[in-house]
Structure formats: C-alpha cells, structure tokens
Protein backbone atom coordinates (compact mmCIF):
# COMPACT_ATOMS: atom_id res chain seq x y z
CA MET A 1 8.47 -19.89 -99.92
CA LEU A 2 10.17 -16.99 -98.12
CA ASN A 3 7.14 -16.58 -95.83
CA THR A 4 7.27 -20.28 -94.95
CA LEU A 5 10.99 -20.03 -94.09
CA ILE A 6 10.36 -16.97 -91.91
CA LYS A 7 7.53 -18.75 -90.09
CA HIS A 8 9.74 -21.81 -89.45
CA ALA A 9 12.64 -19.63 -88.27
CA THR A 10 10.34 -17.69 -85.95
CA LEU A 11 8.91 -20.92 -84.56
CA SER A 12 12.42 -22.36 -84.02
CA VAL A 13 13.55 -19.24 -82.14
CA ALA A 14 10.38 -19.26 -80.02
CA LEU A 15 10.90 -22.94 -79.13
CA ALA A 16 14.54 -22.34 -78.23
CA MET A 17 13.54 -19.42 -76.03
CA THR A 18 10.89 -21.37 -74.13
CA THR A 19 12.87 -24.55 -73.53
CA GLY A 20 16.05 -23.03 -72.09
CA CYS A 21 18.90 -24.99 -70.60
CA ALA A 22 18.93 -25.73 -66.88
CA SER A 23 22.07 -26.01 -64.79
CA THR A 24 22.72 -26.35 -61.07
CA LYS A 25 24.64 -23.78 -59.03
CA ILE A 26 25.61 -24.28 -55.40
CA GLU A 27 26.88 -21.56 -53.07
CA THR A 28 28.01 -22.53 -49.58
CA THR A 29 29.03 -20.18 -46.79
CA GLY A 30 30.07 -20.78 -43.21
CA SER A 31 31.95 -23.83 -41.99
CA PRO A 32 31.13 -26.82 -44.26
CA LEU A 33 31.92 -30.46 -43.59
CA LYS A 34 35.54 -31.33 -44.36
CA GLU A 35 34.48 -34.77 -45.60
CA PRO A 36 31.14 -36.49 -46.33
CA LEU A 37 28.88 -37.12 -43.34
CA CYS A 38 29.45 -40.86 -43.85
CA GLN A 39 31.43 -43.10 -46.20
CA ALA A 40 29.71 -45.47 -48.61
CA GLY A 41 30.61 -49.05 -47.75
CA GLY A 42 31.64 -48.12 -44.22
CA PRO A 43 29.76 -48.88 -41.03
CA ALA A 44 26.39 -47.14 -40.75
CA LEU A 45 26.67 -43.91 -38.78
CA ALA A 46 23.94 -43.55 -36.13
CA THR A 47 22.32 -40.19 -36.89
CA VAL A 48 19.34 -38.19 -35.68
CA VAL A 49 17.85 -35.30 -37.67
CA TYR A 50 16.06 -32.24 -36.36
CA TRP A 51 14.54 -29.81 -38.79
CA GLY A 52 12.41 -26.69 -38.91
CA VAL A 53 11.52 -23.76 -41.12
CA GLN A 54 12.04 -20.03 -41.07
CA TRP A 55 10.16 -18.68 -44.06
CA ARG A 56 10.24 -15.09 -45.24
CA PRO A 57 7.11 -13.16 -44.19
CA ASP A 58 5.48 -13.32 -47.64
CA GLN A 59 6.15 -17.04 -48.23
CA LYS A 60 3.48 -18.62 -50.41
CA GLU A 61 1.92 -21.96 -49.47
CA PRO A 62 4.05 -22.83 -46.41
CA PRO A 63 2.30 -26.20 -45.75
CA LEU A 64 2.96 -27.36 -49.33
CA ARG A 65 6.63 -26.37 -49.05
CA GLU A 66 7.03 -27.95 -45.61
CA ALA A 67 5.61 -31.24 -46.92
CA ALA A 68 8.03 -31.10 -49.89
CA ALA A 69 10.93 -30.32 -47.53
CA LEU A 70 10.13 -33.35 -45.37
CA ARG A 71 9.84 -35.62 -48.43
CA GLY A 72 13.21 -34.30 -49.62
CA ILE A 73 14.85 -34.90 -46.23
CA GLU A 74 13.44 -38.43 -46.12
CA ASP A 75 14.57 -39.08 -49.71
CA PHE A 76 18.12 -37.96 -48.91
CA LEU A 77 18.24 -40.14 -45.79
CA THR A 78 16.80 -43.15 -47.62
CA HIS A 79 19.49 -42.95 -50.30
CA ALA A 80 22.36 -42.30 -47.86
CA ASN A 81 22.97 -46.00 -47.21
CA CYS A 82 25.83 -45.26 -44.82
CA LEU A 83 23.48 -43.62 -42.29
CA SER A 84 21.47 -45.39 -39.62
CA VAL A 85 18.76 -42.83 -38.91
CA GLY A 86 17.34 -42.88 -35.40
CA GLY A 87 14.62 -40.37 -36.21
CA VAL A 88 13.57 -37.28 -38.12
CA HIS A 89 12.04 -34.73 -35.76
CA ARG A 90 10.21 -31.56 -36.76
CA LEU A 91 10.89 -28.61 -34.45
CA PRO A 92 8.16 -26.00 -33.94
CA ALA A 93 8.79 -22.63 -35.62
CA ALA A 94 9.52 -20.96 -32.27
CA GLU A 95 12.24 -23.56 -31.61
CA ALA A 96 13.53 -23.92 -35.19
CA VAL A 97 17.05 -22.71 -34.29
CA PRO A 98 18.05 -24.24 -30.96
CA SER A 99 21.59 -23.97 -29.59
CA ASP A 100 24.11 -26.77 -30.09
CA GLU A 101 23.70 -27.66 -26.42
CA ALA A 102 19.91 -27.92 -26.76
CA LEU A 103 20.26 -30.19 -29.81
CA LEU A 104 22.69 -32.45 -27.96
CA ARG A 105 20.29 -32.65 -24.99
CA LEU A 106 17.42 -33.58 -27.32
CA ALA A 107 19.52 -36.31 -28.93
CA ASP A 108 20.73 -37.59 -25.55
CA ALA A 109 17.13 -38.07 -24.40
CA LEU A 110 16.38 -40.48 -27.27
CA PRO A 111 16.39 -44.25 -26.59
CA VAL A 112 18.84 -44.88 -29.45
CA LYS A 113 22.17 -43.08 -29.07
CA ALA A 114 23.26 -41.14 -32.14
CA GLU A 115 26.84 -40.42 -33.14
CA ARG A 116 25.79 -37.40 -35.20
CA VAL A 117 23.07 -34.79 -34.88
CA VAL A 118 22.04 -33.06 -38.10
CA HIS A 119 20.02 -29.87 -37.79
CA ILE A 120 18.34 -28.38 -40.88
CA VAL A 121 16.55 -25.04 -41.16
CA VAL A 122 14.69 -24.56 -44.44
CA ARG A 123 14.54 -20.88 -45.40
CA GLU A 124 13.52 -21.10 -49.06
CA LEU A 125 12.12 -23.90 -51.17
CA GLY A 126 10.36 -23.03 -54.37
CA PRO A 127 10.32 -21.79 -57.91
CA ARG A 128 11.99 -18.52 -58.83
CA LEU A 129 11.42 -16.34 -61.85
CA VAL A 130 13.26 -13.19 -62.86
CA ILE A 131 11.85 -11.14 -65.73
CA GLY A 132 13.64 -8.08 -67.10
CA VAL A 133 17.15 -6.82 -67.66
CA PRO A 134 19.79 -8.22 -68.38
CA VAL A 135 17.89 -11.38 -69.41
CA ILE A 136 14.34 -11.59 -70.60
CA VAL A 137 13.36 -14.60 -68.47
CA GLU A 138 15.47 -16.58 -66.00
CA GLY A 139 13.92 -19.11 -63.70
CA GLY A 140 14.10 -22.46 -62.02
CA THR A 141 13.91 -23.63 -58.43
CA GLU A 142 15.96 -22.82 -55.36
CA VAL A 143 16.65 -24.22 -51.92
CA LEU A 144 18.15 -22.18 -49.10
CA ILE A 145 19.07 -24.21 -46.02
CA ASP A 146 21.14 -23.79 -42.89
CA VAL A 147 22.74 -27.04 -41.73
CA ARG A 148 24.62 -27.94 -38.56
CA VAL A 149 26.31 -31.25 -37.85
CA LEU A 150 27.32 -32.13 -34.30
CA ASP A 151 29.41 -35.03 -33.01
CA THR A 152 27.64 -36.34 -29.90
CA ARG A 153 30.70 -38.18 -28.59
CA ASP A 154 32.84 -35.09 -27.99
CA THR A 155 30.06 -32.46 -28.46
CA THR A 156 31.97 -30.69 -31.23
CA SER A 157 30.53 -28.89 -34.22
CA LEU A 158 31.57 -30.54 -37.49
CA ALA A 159 29.70 -28.10 -39.75
CA HIS A 160 27.64 -24.92 -39.55
CA THR A 161 26.83 -23.84 -43.06
CA ARG A 162 24.33 -22.15 -45.32
CA THR A 163 23.70 -23.62 -48.78
CA LEU A 164 21.95 -21.88 -51.65
CA TRP A 165 21.15 -24.51 -54.27
CA ARG A 166 19.65 -23.37 -57.59
CA ASN A 167 18.60 -25.28 -60.67
CA GLY A 168 17.51 -23.29 -63.68
CA GLY A 169 18.71 -20.78 -66.19
CA VAL A 170 17.72 -18.45 -68.98
CA PHE A 171 14.29 -19.31 -70.41
CA VAL A 172 13.74 -22.02 -67.78
CA ILE A 173 10.40 -21.99 -66.01
CA LYS A 174 9.70 -24.59 -63.31
CA GLY A 175 6.85 -25.12 -60.92
CA VAL A 176 6.65 -26.91 -57.58
CA GLU A 177 6.73 -30.47 -58.95
CA THR A 178 10.44 -31.07 -58.24
CA LEU A 179 10.75 -29.42 -54.82
CA ASP A 180 11.25 -32.65 -52.87
CA GLN A 181 14.00 -33.79 -55.31
CA ASP A 182 15.54 -30.30 -55.11
CA MET A 183 15.61 -30.47 -51.31
CA SER A 184 17.24 -33.90 -51.44
CA ALA A 185 19.86 -32.67 -53.93
CA ALA A 186 20.67 -29.63 -51.77
CA LEU A 187 21.20 -31.89 -48.75
CA ARG A 188 23.41 -34.22 -50.81
CA ALA A 189 25.54 -31.25 -51.88
CA THR A 190 25.80 -30.05 -48.27
CA LEU A 191 26.23 -33.30 -46.35
CA MET A 192 27.95 -35.55 -48.90
CA PRO A 193 30.38 -33.20 -50.65
CA GLY A 194 32.53 -34.87 -53.27
CA SER A 195 30.78 -38.22 -52.98
C-alpha cells in the first residue's frame, strides 16, 4: 500500500513538473504609441506595412521563422478591423531598417495613399528554453520586434519602440507551432495597447 502511494505521489509530482503554467510577459522600451493605432468602431485607418528581419548570426531555420512572422503580421492585420491595409511589403535584409524619410517616400509612391506607415523589424521569433539554476526548466516562446509608426500627413513619428513578448514559465516547453499566433499577439500588445 505504501509503495503504491509513493508511486502515485511521484507520478503526480512528475506530471506537475512537466505541465507547468504559462503566462505572458511584455517589456516595451523606447517611445510607444500613446493610444491604439486605430479605434474599434471608428473609420478605417488607411495603413501600409513594411517589414523585415534582423536575426542573430546563429538563428536557426530563418525561412520557417520568416514565414511564421508574415502569417502573424497578416493575422494581426486581419483582426484589426479598424485598419484599411494598403499592402504588406517585405524589405530585403540589407534594407530592413530604412530611415523615416525613406519609409515615407516608399508609402508616397504607392497608388493608395496611407495615413499611417507601420514598420516592423523581427529580431527574434521562436522557442526558448533555460535549464539550470535558479529553476530546473523554464521555457516558452518569445518575440522581439522593433516597431515604428509614422503619420504620413505631417510626417511625424507616433511610435518607435522595441517589444519583448514572452509566453511561458517554469516547466513549460513549447515548440514552433504557435509562432504565428505569438507574432500576432506581440503586435497587438505593441500597436493596440489597452484595447
């Protein structure tokens, strides 16, 4: 009987350790938006999006992550009903971080005039896993993005921010399956704060 109880207790502890409890943490630096990019129920805001990547040198599977980033951007834009998106344009790696003036020139050359230009640089998109002290296993997924928002009417910068979005915790292990949803959630936190 005692051996059976010990086995069940050991199994319960092992299950608790492997399931973990995930939470989301968001850290934003720089100059964030003072209000959401657009207001639900208001007129649709004409917007154009430019995006690119700047991976760390040892980034694993860049094409897989870039595809997930694009799906996440498109998901965010699809669900932001107050935006009228005039295009999502991928910038080559060499041009991933253009100046505000260059972004405004790109937007001005489009046939549809945008009121806002959103520029996204994806720096990290993937699972993370920390093994060791002070916790045995801590993992989850993370998104690190730089985002700029420009007003095309008066050429002012409305935001220039870096967001580190993490979902995970102690004894949480995640793969790449949720990366597009993670990217979308990070953009929501950055561009639609408080909404």
